[in-house]
Amino acid sequence: MKILMIEDNKSVSDMMAMFFKKEKWAATFAYDGNSGVDIFKEDPDGWDIVTLDLNLPGKDGMEVSAELRRISQTVPIIMLTARDSESDQVLGLEMGADDYVTKPFSPITLIARIKALHRRVQMGQKSMNDETVEGNKYDVRTDHFRLSSSTREAYLNDKLIPDLTPKEFDLLKVIAQKPRQVFSREQLLQMVWDYEYYGDERTVDAHIKKLRQKIEAVGPQIVQTVWGVGYKFDDSKANES
């Protein structure tokens, strides 16, 4: 893997450099937000993972995450934060991060998170390669909705749901493949993130919130809350007005 680590604490960077080397991963380090963005811009499609500290000199992690997302909708981002407040973590996810790790963290934990996120991306790419665009194959197709892993696109009433991040697309795919089935937050954590979040259900809620905003930009809401249980996909009332 090729990793960009944007981290102003050099001791943390030096420590992770040893672990990255052990994994035989190529790592590049930036020590402030501005240089991190500049390095990323040099080869936006060349990075497998970006790890991003929240507290950075220059541009902070929130600003950097938003800018990286404007450049690339697909690069996986893991945010590292010394803050342990729910609002900061949720905001980081809303700004485009796919995952977060709270400092102080174990290097082994970060390595595991990187591997899990990378595995999900690889699975998505394999699905794209296995399906042919020529055949116009959709994983899900109803009267109002269609979704294709080969193009990583979803449409509601023939309108493209815009700017879906990798995790937002994966969430939508999981629940749309089984319409009206209710998924608990714990199930979605396991199915979409591919590992346990130790009960941190805020991750799911933050991504669902952003996904809903993008769906509502093109049509009626098809991701429904089942109070006290979780979420389900239901497009039965998605008739065009």
Protein backbone atom coordinates (compact mmCIF):
# COMPACT_ATOMS: atom_id res chain seq x y z
CA MET A 1 0.00 0.00 0.00
CA LYS A 2 0.95 3.62 -0.50
CA ILE A 3 0.04 5.72 2.53
CA LEU A 4 0.04 9.47 3.11
CA MET A 5 0.23 10.31 6.82
CA ILE A 6 -0.50 13.94 7.69
CA GLU A 7 0.63 14.24 11.30
CA ASP A 8 2.41 17.14 13.04
CA ASN A 9 3.77 15.01 15.90
CA LYS A 10 7.05 13.70 14.53
CA SER A 11 7.42 11.07 17.25
CA VAL A 12 4.08 9.57 16.20
CA SER A 13 5.13 9.67 12.55
CA ASP A 14 8.50 8.06 13.32
CA MET A 15 6.81 5.34 15.35
CA MET A 16 4.30 4.57 12.57
CA ALA A 17 7.08 4.63 9.96
CA MET A 18 8.59 1.57 11.64
CA PHE A 19 5.27 -0.27 11.60
CA PHE A 20 4.58 0.70 7.98
CA LYS A 21 8.02 -0.57 7.00
CA LYS A 22 7.34 -3.86 8.78
CA GLU A 23 4.17 -4.22 6.68
CA LYS A 24 6.20 -3.35 3.55
CA TRP A 25 4.00 -0.31 2.90
CA ALA A 26 5.33 2.84 1.22
CA ALA A 27 4.62 5.84 3.45
CA THR A 28 4.99 9.58 2.86
CA PHE A 29 4.73 12.03 5.76
CA ALA A 30 3.49 15.61 5.92
CA TYR A 31 3.71 17.66 9.12
CA ASP A 32 1.12 20.38 8.47
CA GLY A 33 -2.18 20.70 6.66
CA ASN A 34 -1.00 22.82 3.74
CA SER A 35 1.89 20.53 2.79
CA GLY A 36 -0.37 17.51 3.20
CA VAL A 37 -2.81 18.88 0.64
CA ASP A 38 0.04 19.83 -1.71
CA ILE A 39 1.57 16.36 -1.54
CA PHE A 40 -1.81 14.73 -2.13
CA LYS A 41 -2.46 16.93 -5.18
CA GLU A 42 0.72 15.68 -6.83
CA ASP A 43 -0.87 12.26 -7.38
CA PRO A 44 -4.51 12.14 -6.18
CA ASP A 45 -5.11 8.65 -7.58
CA GLY A 46 -1.85 7.22 -6.26
CA TRP A 47 -2.74 6.94 -2.57
CA ASP A 48 -4.32 3.85 -1.05
CA ILE A 49 -4.99 5.42 2.37
CA VAL A 50 -4.65 8.86 3.97
CA THR A 51 -4.32 9.14 7.75
CA LEU A 52 -5.07 12.64 8.93
CA ASP A 53 -4.51 14.28 12.31
CA LEU A 54 -7.32 16.56 13.46
CA ASN A 55 -5.08 19.17 15.13
CA LEU A 56 -2.69 20.43 12.47
CA PRO A 57 -0.82 23.70 11.97
CA GLY A 58 -1.86 25.67 8.92
CA LYS A 59 -5.08 24.00 7.82
CA ASP A 60 -6.62 21.82 10.50
CA GLY A 61 -7.79 18.27 9.88
CA MET A 62 -11.38 19.26 9.15
CA GLU A 63 -10.29 21.70 6.45
CA VAL A 64 -7.85 19.21 4.97
CA SER A 65 -10.43 16.42 4.91
CA ALA A 66 -12.93 18.64 3.11
CA GLU A 67 -10.28 19.69 0.57
CA LEU A 68 -9.14 16.13 -0.06
CA ARG A 69 -12.76 15.14 -0.64
CA ARG A 70 -13.14 17.92 -3.20
CA ILE A 71 -10.11 16.51 -5.03
CA SER A 72 -11.04 12.82 -4.65
CA GLN A 73 -14.36 11.27 -3.69
CA THR A 74 -12.85 7.81 -3.35
CA VAL A 75 -9.56 7.97 -1.41
CA PRO A 76 -10.07 6.33 2.01
CA ILE A 77 -9.38 8.72 4.91
CA ILE A 78 -8.75 7.76 8.54
CA MET A 79 -8.83 10.71 10.94
CA LEU A 80 -6.62 10.69 14.04
CA THR A 81 -7.93 12.81 16.87
CA ALA A 82 -6.85 13.57 20.42
CA ARG A 83 -10.34 14.89 21.06
CA ASP A 84 -12.76 12.39 22.53
CA SER A 85 -15.97 14.34 22.13
CA GLU A 86 -18.83 12.92 20.11
CA SER A 87 -19.30 16.16 18.17
CA ASP A 88 -15.70 16.22 16.92
CA GLN A 89 -15.79 12.59 15.83
CA VAL A 90 -19.12 12.90 14.07
CA LEU A 91 -18.03 16.15 12.41
CA GLY A 92 -14.89 14.43 11.14
CA LEU A 93 -16.98 11.73 9.52
CA GLU A 94 -19.32 14.32 8.06
CA MET A 95 -16.36 16.17 6.54
CA GLY A 96 -15.46 13.09 4.52
CA ALA A 97 -13.43 10.78 6.76
CA ASP A 98 -14.23 7.07 6.47
CA ASP A 99 -12.99 6.16 9.93
CA TYR A 100 -11.38 7.71 13.00
CA VAL A 101 -8.95 6.58 15.68
CA THR A 102 -8.72 8.38 19.01
CA LYS A 103 -5.31 9.29 20.41
CA PRO A 104 -3.43 7.88 22.18
CA PHE A 105 -3.72 4.80 20.02
CA SER A 106 -1.88 1.53 19.66
CA PRO A 107 0.06 1.28 16.37
CA ILE A 108 -1.34 -2.23 16.02
CA THR A 109 -4.88 -0.81 16.23
CA LEU A 110 -4.18 1.74 13.50
CA ILE A 111 -2.61 -0.93 11.29
CA ALA A 112 -5.70 -3.10 11.78
CA ARG A 113 -8.02 -0.21 10.88
CA ILE A 114 -5.97 0.54 7.75
CA LYS A 115 -6.08 -3.10 6.66
CA ALA A 116 -9.83 -3.34 7.24
CA LEU A 117 -10.57 -0.17 5.27
CA HIS A 118 -8.22 -1.18 2.46
CA ARG A 119 -9.86 -4.62 2.30
CA ARG A 120 -13.26 -3.00 1.81
CA VAL A 121 -11.90 -0.84 -1.02
CA GLN A 122 -10.34 -3.87 -2.71
CA MET A 123 -13.61 -5.78 -2.48
CA GLY A 124 -15.38 -2.88 -4.15
CA GLN A 125 -12.80 -2.75 -6.93
CA LYS A 126 -13.07 -6.51 -7.48
CA SER A 127 -16.82 -6.16 -7.78
CA MET A 128 -16.32 -3.44 -10.38
CA ASN A 129 -13.90 -5.63 -12.36
CA ASP A 130 -16.18 -8.66 -12.21
CA GLU A 131 -19.14 -6.82 -13.66
CA THR A 132 -19.31 -5.45 -17.17
CA VAL A 133 -20.54 -1.95 -17.85
CA GLU A 134 -21.55 -3.12 -21.32
CA GLY A 135 -24.08 -5.46 -19.78
CA ASN A 136 -25.45 -2.53 -17.76
CA LYS A 137 -25.72 -4.81 -14.75
CA TYR A 138 -27.23 -3.36 -11.60
CA ASP A 139 -26.88 -4.86 -8.15
CA VAL A 140 -30.26 -3.37 -7.24
CA ARG A 141 -33.01 -2.27 -9.61
CA THR A 142 -36.57 -1.25 -8.77
CA ASP A 143 -39.15 0.98 -10.41
CA HIS A 144 -37.59 4.02 -8.75
CA PHE A 145 -34.02 3.09 -7.82
CA ARG A 146 -30.97 1.45 -9.32
CA LEU A 147 -27.43 0.91 -8.06
CA SER A 148 -24.35 -0.46 -9.81
CA SER A 149 -21.07 -1.54 -8.23
CA SER A 150 -19.41 -1.46 -11.65
CA THR A 151 -19.81 2.33 -11.83
CA ARG A 152 -20.21 3.01 -8.07
CA GLU A 153 -23.32 5.02 -8.93
CA ALA A 154 -26.87 5.07 -7.61
CA TYR A 155 -29.92 6.67 -9.19
CA LEU A 156 -33.28 7.67 -7.73
CA ASN A 157 -36.02 8.30 -10.28
CA ASP A 158 -33.27 8.38 -12.95
CA LYS A 159 -31.38 11.14 -11.11
CA LEU A 160 -27.83 10.46 -10.00
CA ILE A 161 -27.36 10.63 -6.23
CA PRO A 162 -24.34 12.95 -6.17
CA ASP A 163 -20.88 12.62 -4.65
CA LEU A 164 -21.30 9.40 -2.71
CA THR A 165 -18.20 8.56 -0.67
CA PRO A 166 -17.04 4.91 -0.59
CA LYS A 167 -18.68 4.25 2.77
CA GLU A 168 -21.93 6.02 1.83
CA PHE A 169 -22.17 3.91 -1.31
CA ASP A 170 -21.43 0.71 0.60
CA LEU A 171 -24.07 1.56 3.23
CA LEU A 172 -26.68 2.24 0.58
CA LYS A 173 -25.81 -0.97 -1.28
CA VAL A 174 -26.07 -3.14 1.84
CA ILE A 175 -29.52 -1.94 2.85
CA ALA A 176 -30.89 -1.57 -0.70
CA GLN A 177 -30.09 -5.19 -1.54
CA LYS A 178 -32.69 -6.25 1.04
CA PRO A 179 -35.58 -3.76 0.82
CA ARG A 180 -37.62 -3.26 3.99
CA GLN A 181 -35.29 -5.44 6.03
CA VAL A 182 -34.27 -3.59 9.18
CA PHE A 183 -30.53 -3.48 9.90
CA SER A 184 -29.27 -2.65 13.36
CA ARG A 185 -26.33 -0.30 13.75
CA GLU A 186 -24.22 -3.20 15.00
CA GLN A 187 -25.00 -5.19 11.84
CA LEU A 188 -24.08 -2.26 9.61
CA LEU A 189 -20.80 -1.72 11.46
CA GLN A 190 -19.84 -5.33 10.82
CA MET A 191 -21.08 -5.48 7.22
CA VAL A 192 -19.79 -2.13 5.97
CA TRP A 193 -16.73 -1.46 8.11
CA ASP A 194 -15.73 -5.12 8.27
CA TYR A 195 -14.74 -5.03 11.93
CA GLU A 196 -16.18 -4.31 15.34
CA TYR A 197 -16.42 -0.67 16.47
CA TYR A 198 -16.83 -1.73 20.08
CA GLY A 199 -20.32 -0.27 20.26
CA ASP A 200 -19.52 3.07 18.62
CA GLU A 201 -22.78 3.40 16.71
CA ARG A 202 -22.24 7.13 16.06
CA THR A 203 -20.18 6.14 13.01
CA VAL A 204 -23.26 4.68 11.32
CA ASP A 205 -25.48 7.63 12.29
CA ALA A 206 -23.01 10.18 10.90
CA HIS A 207 -22.75 8.41 7.56
CA ILE A 208 -26.52 7.87 7.33
CA LYS A 209 -27.06 11.60 7.95
CA LYS A 210 -24.77 12.58 5.06
CA LEU A 211 -26.22 9.87 2.81
CA ARG A 212 -29.74 11.16 3.45
CA GLN A 213 -28.74 14.71 2.59
CA LYS A 214 -27.45 13.55 -0.78
CA ILE A 215 -30.54 11.46 -1.46
CA GLU A 216 -32.83 14.38 -0.61
CA ALA A 217 -30.96 16.52 -3.14
CA VAL A 218 -32.54 14.43 -5.93
CA GLY A 219 -35.77 13.01 -4.53
CA PRO A 220 -37.79 11.58 -1.64
CA GLN A 221 -36.10 9.86 1.28
CA ILE A 222 -35.55 6.11 0.80
CA VAL A 223 -33.42 5.42 3.90
CA GLN A 224 -35.87 5.07 6.75
CA THR A 225 -35.28 5.04 10.50
CA VAL A 226 -36.90 2.27 12.51
CA TRP A 227 -36.84 3.83 15.96
CA GLY A 228 -35.06 1.80 18.58
CA VAL A 229 -33.81 -0.73 16.03
CA GLY A 230 -31.88 0.73 13.08
CA TYR A 231 -32.39 1.56 9.41
CA LYS A 232 -34.05 0.13 6.31
CA PHE A 233 -34.36 0.84 2.60
CA ASP A 234 -37.87 1.52 1.30
CA ASP A 235 -38.54 3.21 -2.04
CA SER A 236 -42.21 2.22 -2.27
CA LYS A 237 -43.25 5.86 -1.92
CA ALA A 238 -40.57 7.29 -4.18
CA ASN A 239 -42.94 8.26 -6.98
CA GLU A 240 -41.95 11.41 -8.75
CA SER A 241 -44.10 14.34 -7.76
